[in-house]
C-alpha cells in the first residue's frame, strides 16, 4: 500500500492522495494465471466540516487460475488522512 497523507487546504484538514496498491512479490508457475484488482468502495470524512479527516476503504481481490482449479481471495484495508492503515 502506497499513499501520501496529512495534506491540508488553507491549513485545515488531513487529506489523502496518490493511494495505490502495488505487488511486492508475485510468482506463479507458467501454467497458472494471476489476476488482481483494487476497488475503492467508499471515501469518508471522519472529522468536521471545518477540519476534515479523510478515510478510505480499499478492497484488493485476486485470483489464481490453473487448469483444473481457481482460487479467489481478497483483503480489505482502511487508511486515514493522519496516516493510519488498518487491515480489516
Foldseek 3Di string as FASTA:
>chain_A
DDWAAQDDDPPAEIDIPDDDDDDPDDDDDPQKDKDKDKDWPDWDFPDDPGHTKIKTKMKIKMWIDHPPDIDIDIWIWMAIRVGDIDTD
